[in-house]
Amino acid sequence: MHVRSRIASAALPATVLALSIGLTLSLTACDVPIEGSSRTTASPSPNATIESTPAPDSSGGSSTDSPSESGFSVSTATFLSVIDGDTITTSAGTIRLIGIDTPERGQCGHDEASMAIGRLLARGDPLTLRLPEGQNQTDRYDRLLRYVETADGVDFGMVQLESGNAIARYDSRDGYPKHPREDQYRAAQVATLGSDRSVITTSCAAPSGTTSDNAGSSSGTGAEGAGATAAPSEVNTGEGWWRENGSCSRLKKNTVGHPKGPFSFTNPDETASYDWFAYGTGHNGDGDNDGLACE
């Protein structure tokens, strides 16, 4: 009996120790999910959020215009025909070139200015149209006001100025809005403004001390003047006979013996007449763009 009591007494501390260890493990097991939960639901730091957002691109790289061409409304169109040296028709409508002026129909230099554009373009060619900020959309004739460029970036206004076919006009010096290329246009101008405010192209400027062909022909009188109206054969074959016909339809009706076409741009003897009827009259005599005018 005494031996059993000693054995029981010795076993008691071991039992208490086991219960204590078990209780500790239970409490530790309960703490683990709580700590894990607090870590997994924590919000990311503000710095992490900021770093994950890319900074805005201030370079303007997504724009279709280069930085030097900012401030333009840009569109595209296809070329249809020439009206005169500063006006064309396109798929977007009739376009009046901004900032230049060329001779009017019937004035010296009109034909050359008109043909200068016609030689650079064929019907259906793509064009870039630029409207600067602050410029009027249309003129008083409801024509669109635009810079017009080829697909290669050739500016028709500058072409006409450098060729001596136009003057820089209808800009801030004339009471119109200043346009971005105004100073360049003024510097490129080689034609002049006549005393009657008409455009004097370089091809029409009379040498100093002489009179122009137009002035001489209009002042001829008497027998010599009558002789200038020569025989029909001279009228039919003289240089520039095509200018007496304002369109292919009028040409077809002529009764003085003028050739009635067609005229090929590949034939050196017909190039001048082709250019006139295709581009100079404003009636697009080569409407199907096959290289023959007045078919």
Protein backbone atom coordinates (compact mmCIF):
# COMPACT_ATOMS: atom_id res chain seq x y z
CA MET A 1 0.00 0.00 0.00
CA HIS A 2 2.76 2.36 0.86
CA VAL A 3 4.54 1.55 -2.44
CA ARG A 4 1.42 2.40 -4.54
CA SER A 5 1.12 5.77 -2.87
CA ARG A 6 4.68 6.60 -3.74
CA ILE A 7 4.13 5.62 -7.37
CA ALA A 8 0.95 7.75 -7.61
CA SER A 9 2.73 10.70 -6.07
CA ALA A 10 5.55 10.40 -8.57
CA ALA A 11 3.14 10.27 -11.54
CA LEU A 12 1.23 13.42 -10.58
CA PRO A 13 3.89 15.95 -11.58
CA ALA A 14 4.25 14.27 -14.96
CA THR A 15 0.51 14.55 -15.56
CA VAL A 16 0.49 18.21 -14.62
CA LEU A 17 3.44 18.83 -16.91
CA ALA A 18 1.69 17.14 -19.82
CA LEU A 19 -1.49 19.18 -19.27
CA SER A 20 0.55 22.37 -19.15
CA ILE A 21 2.33 21.60 -22.40
CA GLY A 22 -0.94 20.73 -24.12
CA LEU A 23 -2.57 23.97 -22.98
CA THR A 24 0.40 25.99 -24.27
CA LEU A 25 0.26 24.31 -27.64
CA SER A 26 -3.48 24.95 -27.92
CA LEU A 27 -3.08 28.63 -27.21
CA THR A 28 -0.20 28.91 -29.69
CA ALA A 29 -2.25 27.18 -32.39
CA CYS A 30 -5.08 29.70 -31.88
CA ASP A 31 -2.72 32.65 -32.33
CA VAL A 32 -1.31 31.59 -35.70
CA PRO A 33 -4.39 32.27 -37.88
CA ILE A 34 -4.90 35.68 -36.27
CA GLU A 35 -1.39 36.81 -37.11
CA GLY A 36 -1.58 35.34 -40.60
CA SER A 37 -4.94 37.05 -41.21
CA SER A 38 -3.61 40.44 -40.22
CA ARG A 39 -0.74 40.13 -42.72
CA THR A 40 -2.78 38.98 -45.68
CA THR A 41 -5.42 41.73 -45.39
CA ALA A 42 -2.96 44.60 -44.95
CA SER A 43 -3.28 47.43 -47.58
CA PRO A 44 -0.30 48.08 -49.91
CA SER A 45 1.72 51.12 -49.07
CA PRO A 46 0.91 54.39 -50.86
CA ASN A 47 4.37 54.33 -52.39
CA ALA A 48 3.67 51.03 -54.07
CA THR A 49 0.51 52.39 -55.64
CA ILE A 50 2.25 55.53 -56.96
CA GLU A 51 5.14 53.58 -58.38
CA SER A 52 2.81 51.28 -60.28
CA THR A 53 1.19 54.24 -62.12
CA PRO A 54 3.27 55.50 -65.08
CA ALA A 55 3.83 59.24 -65.27
CA PRO A 56 1.94 61.10 -68.03
CA ASP A 57 3.88 61.60 -71.27
CA SER A 58 4.36 65.32 -71.71
CA SER A 59 6.27 65.01 -74.97
CA GLY A 60 3.15 64.99 -77.16
CA GLY A 61 4.39 61.91 -78.94
CA SER A 62 0.89 60.62 -79.60
CA SER A 63 -0.06 63.68 -81.64
CA THR A 64 -0.19 63.40 -85.45
CA ASP A 65 1.59 66.78 -85.73
CA SER A 66 5.23 67.44 -85.03
CA PRO A 67 5.93 70.03 -82.32
CA SER A 68 6.73 72.65 -84.98
CA GLU A 69 3.32 72.09 -86.59
CA SER A 70 1.24 72.31 -83.43
CA GLY A 71 -1.70 74.65 -83.61
CA PHE A 72 -3.03 73.28 -86.88
CA SER A 73 -6.23 71.47 -87.71
CA VAL A 74 -5.07 68.84 -90.20
CA SER A 75 -7.16 66.86 -92.69
CA THR A 76 -6.64 65.04 -95.96
CA ALA A 77 -8.32 65.17 -99.35
CA THR A 78 -7.74 64.17 -102.96
CA PHE A 79 -7.02 66.57 -105.79
CA LEU A 80 -9.67 67.07 -108.48
CA SER A 81 -8.85 70.10 -110.64
CA VAL A 82 -7.23 73.54 -110.90
CA ILE A 83 -9.40 76.65 -110.94
CA ASP A 84 -6.50 79.10 -111.00
CA GLY A 85 -3.10 79.60 -109.41
CA ASP A 86 -4.41 79.97 -105.86
CA THR A 87 -7.61 77.92 -105.97
CA ILE A 88 -8.23 74.21 -106.54
CA THR A 89 -11.08 71.76 -106.17
CA THR A 90 -10.68 68.70 -103.95
CA SER A 91 -12.78 65.93 -102.45
CA ALA A 92 -13.16 68.19 -99.40
CA GLY A 93 -14.48 71.13 -101.46
CA THR A 94 -13.01 74.20 -103.16
CA ILE A 95 -9.79 75.32 -101.49
CA ARG A 96 -8.35 78.87 -101.54
CA LEU A 97 -4.67 78.85 -100.58
CA ILE A 98 -3.92 80.89 -97.48
CA GLY A 99 -1.66 83.92 -97.75
CA ILE A 100 -1.02 84.25 -101.50
CA ASP A 101 -2.61 85.84 -104.55
CA THR A 102 -2.10 85.01 -108.23
CA PRO A 103 -3.34 86.81 -111.39
CA GLU A 104 -7.04 86.61 -112.17
CA ARG A 105 -8.44 85.06 -115.31
CA GLY A 106 -7.63 87.24 -118.30
CA GLN A 107 -4.61 88.83 -116.63
CA CYS A 108 -1.03 88.21 -117.67
CA GLY A 109 0.44 85.33 -115.69
CA HIS A 110 -2.86 83.60 -114.95
CA ASP A 111 -2.15 80.67 -117.25
CA GLU A 112 1.38 80.07 -115.96
CA ALA A 113 0.23 80.17 -112.33
CA SER A 114 -2.60 77.74 -113.02
CA MET A 115 -0.41 75.32 -114.92
CA ALA A 116 2.26 75.39 -112.21
CA ILE A 117 -0.10 73.49 -109.91
CA GLY A 118 -1.43 71.26 -112.67
CA ARG A 119 2.07 70.06 -113.49
CA LEU A 120 2.63 68.91 -109.91
CA LEU A 121 -0.62 67.03 -109.44
CA ALA A 122 -2.79 64.43 -111.12
CA ARG A 123 -6.45 63.88 -110.41
CA GLY A 124 -6.82 61.70 -107.31
CA ASP A 125 -3.45 62.60 -105.78
CA PRO A 126 -3.54 62.84 -101.96
CA LEU A 127 -3.28 66.26 -100.31
CA THR A 128 -2.75 67.47 -96.77
CA LEU A 129 -4.87 70.45 -95.74
CA ARG A 130 -3.79 72.60 -92.77
CA LEU A 131 -5.89 75.25 -91.07
CA PRO A 132 -3.93 77.32 -88.53
CA GLU A 133 -5.56 78.25 -85.24
CA GLY A 134 -7.16 81.69 -85.38
CA GLN A 135 -7.70 81.62 -89.15
CA ASN A 136 -11.08 81.91 -90.83
CA GLN A 137 -12.54 78.61 -92.00
CA THR A 138 -13.79 80.09 -95.30
CA ASP A 139 -13.53 83.27 -97.34
CA ARG A 140 -16.41 85.47 -98.47
CA TYR A 141 -17.00 83.17 -101.44
CA ASP A 142 -17.41 80.21 -99.06
CA ARG A 143 -14.18 78.59 -100.22
CA LEU A 144 -12.17 76.69 -97.61
CA LEU A 145 -9.02 78.52 -96.53
CA ARG A 146 -6.10 76.13 -96.09
CA TYR A 147 -2.42 75.53 -96.58
CA VAL A 148 -2.25 72.79 -99.21
CA GLU A 149 0.62 70.31 -99.36
CA THR A 150 1.46 67.26 -101.42
CA ALA A 151 1.98 63.87 -99.80
CA ASP A 152 5.70 64.74 -99.76
CA GLY A 153 5.08 67.98 -97.87
CA VAL A 154 5.47 70.42 -100.78
CA ASP A 155 3.62 73.65 -99.92
CA PHE A 156 1.81 75.01 -102.98
CA GLY A 157 1.74 78.54 -101.62
CA MET A 158 5.51 78.55 -101.34
CA VAL A 159 5.86 76.99 -104.81
CA GLN A 160 3.87 79.82 -106.37
CA LEU A 161 5.80 82.50 -104.49
CA GLU A 162 9.23 81.11 -105.33
CA SER A 163 8.22 80.63 -108.96
CA GLY A 164 7.27 84.30 -109.29
CA ASN A 165 3.61 83.44 -109.93
CA ALA A 166 2.17 84.96 -106.75
CA ILE A 167 2.56 87.63 -104.10
CA ALA A 168 2.11 87.22 -100.35
CA ARG A 169 -1.27 88.78 -99.60
CA TYR A 170 -4.41 88.68 -97.46
CA ASP A 171 -2.41 88.42 -94.25
CA SER A 172 -1.99 90.59 -91.15
CA ARG A 173 -0.60 93.48 -93.19
CA ASP A 174 -3.85 93.59 -95.11
CA GLY A 175 -6.10 93.40 -92.04
CA TYR A 176 -6.51 89.60 -92.02
CA PRO A 177 -5.43 87.20 -89.25
CA LYS A 178 -1.68 86.60 -89.15
CA HIS A 179 -0.83 83.11 -90.34
CA PRO A 180 2.20 81.05 -89.20
CA ARG A 181 3.99 81.13 -92.56
CA GLU A 182 3.40 84.80 -93.24
CA ASP A 183 7.00 85.93 -92.71
CA GLN A 184 8.34 83.06 -94.83
CA TYR A 185 5.89 83.88 -97.58
CA ARG A 186 6.83 87.56 -97.56
CA ALA A 187 10.53 86.70 -97.75
CA ALA A 188 10.00 84.26 -100.65
CA GLN A 189 7.97 86.65 -102.83
CA VAL A 190 9.61 87.70 -106.11
CA ALA A 191 6.52 88.88 -108.02
CA THR A 192 5.30 92.44 -107.44
CA LEU A 193 2.10 94.37 -106.86
CA GLY A 194 1.07 96.65 -109.73
CA SER A 195 -0.15 100.23 -109.35
CA ASP A 196 -3.67 98.96 -109.95
CA ARG A 197 -3.21 96.36 -107.17
CA SER A 198 -2.94 93.53 -109.70
CA VAL A 199 -0.30 90.81 -109.43
CA ILE A 200 2.69 91.29 -111.73
CA THR A 201 4.39 87.92 -112.12
CA THR A 202 8.05 87.66 -113.04
CA SER A 203 7.13 86.36 -116.49
CA CYS A 204 4.92 89.42 -117.08
CA ALA A 205 7.21 92.10 -115.69
CA ALA A 206 8.28 94.36 -118.57
CA PRO A 207 12.00 95.22 -118.75
CA SER A 208 12.84 98.75 -117.70
CA GLY A 209 12.14 101.29 -120.48
CA THR A 210 9.89 98.98 -122.47
CA THR A 211 6.21 98.20 -122.59
CA SER A 212 4.60 94.84 -122.19
CA ASP A 213 3.22 92.87 -125.11
CA ASN A 214 -0.28 93.42 -123.78
CA ALA A 215 0.19 97.18 -123.68
CA GLY A 216 1.63 97.23 -127.20
CA SER A 217 -1.18 95.19 -128.68
CA SER A 218 -3.89 97.24 -127.04
CA SER A 219 -2.46 100.54 -128.27
CA GLY A 220 -1.94 99.58 -131.92
CA THR A 221 -3.96 101.76 -134.33
CA GLY A 222 -4.09 102.67 -137.99
CA ALA A 223 -2.84 100.48 -140.80
CA GLU A 224 -0.16 98.84 -138.68
CA GLY A 225 -2.73 98.02 -135.99
CA ALA A 226 -5.03 96.58 -138.60
CA GLY A 227 -2.19 94.45 -139.86
CA ALA A 228 -1.81 92.97 -136.35
CA THR A 229 -5.18 91.28 -136.78
CA ALA A 230 -3.58 89.27 -139.58
CA ALA A 231 -4.98 86.72 -141.91
CA PRO A 232 -6.83 83.71 -140.52
CA SER A 233 -3.87 81.45 -141.30
CA GLU A 234 -1.69 83.44 -138.89
CA VAL A 235 -4.35 83.33 -136.19
CA ASN A 236 -4.72 79.59 -136.56
CA THR A 237 -1.04 78.76 -136.24
CA GLY A 238 0.30 81.62 -134.10
CA GLU A 239 1.87 81.08 -130.69
CA GLY A 240 -0.73 80.92 -127.96
CA TRP A 241 -3.77 80.38 -130.21
CA TRP A 242 -5.23 78.07 -127.53
CA ARG A 243 -5.78 81.00 -125.18
CA GLU A 244 -8.56 82.19 -127.45
CA ASN A 245 -10.61 79.19 -126.30
CA GLY A 246 -11.79 79.11 -122.71
CA SER A 247 -12.75 75.45 -122.69
CA CYS A 248 -12.68 72.29 -124.77
CA SER A 249 -16.34 72.72 -125.66
CA ARG A 250 -15.65 76.19 -127.07
CA LEU A 251 -12.65 74.84 -128.93
CA LYS A 252 -14.79 72.18 -130.60
CA LYS A 253 -17.11 74.93 -131.88
CA ASN A 254 -14.40 77.19 -133.26
CA THR A 255 -14.72 78.15 -136.95
CA VAL A 256 -11.32 79.78 -137.48
CA GLY A 257 -9.38 76.58 -137.97
CA HIS A 258 -7.93 75.97 -134.51
CA PRO A 259 -7.03 72.33 -133.89
CA LYS A 260 -9.84 70.66 -131.96
CA GLY A 261 -7.81 68.07 -130.11
CA PRO A 262 -7.12 65.83 -128.44
CA PHE A 263 -3.79 67.13 -127.17
CA SER A 264 -1.24 64.85 -125.55
CA PHE A 265 1.07 65.94 -122.76
CA THR A 266 3.73 63.53 -124.11
CA ASN A 267 3.84 65.26 -127.51
CA PRO A 268 6.24 68.23 -127.31
CA ASP A 269 4.26 70.05 -130.01
CA GLU A 270 1.07 69.77 -127.97
CA THR A 271 2.34 70.25 -124.42
CA ALA A 272 1.43 73.93 -124.23
CA SER A 273 -2.10 73.41 -125.55
CA TYR A 274 -2.53 70.38 -123.28
CA ASP A 275 -1.48 72.41 -120.24
CA TRP A 276 -3.89 75.17 -121.16
CA PHE A 277 -6.97 72.99 -121.56
CA ALA A 278 -6.10 70.62 -118.72
CA TYR A 279 -5.13 73.26 -116.15
CA GLY A 280 -5.34 76.80 -117.48
CA THR A 281 -9.05 77.17 -118.26
CA GLY A 282 -10.40 75.91 -114.95
CA HIS A 283 -12.52 73.31 -116.75
CA ASN A 284 -10.18 70.33 -116.31
CA GLY A 285 -9.92 69.35 -119.96
CA ASP A 286 -8.29 66.04 -119.03
CA GLY A 287 -11.06 64.90 -116.70
CA ASP A 288 -10.21 61.20 -116.91
CA ASN A 289 -6.50 61.89 -116.33
CA ASP A 290 -5.34 59.81 -119.28
CA GLY A 291 -2.86 62.38 -120.59
CA LEU A 292 -5.15 63.64 -123.34
CA ALA A 293 -7.06 66.91 -123.21
CA CYS A 294 -10.17 67.77 -125.22
CA GLU A 295 -10.87 64.23 -126.42
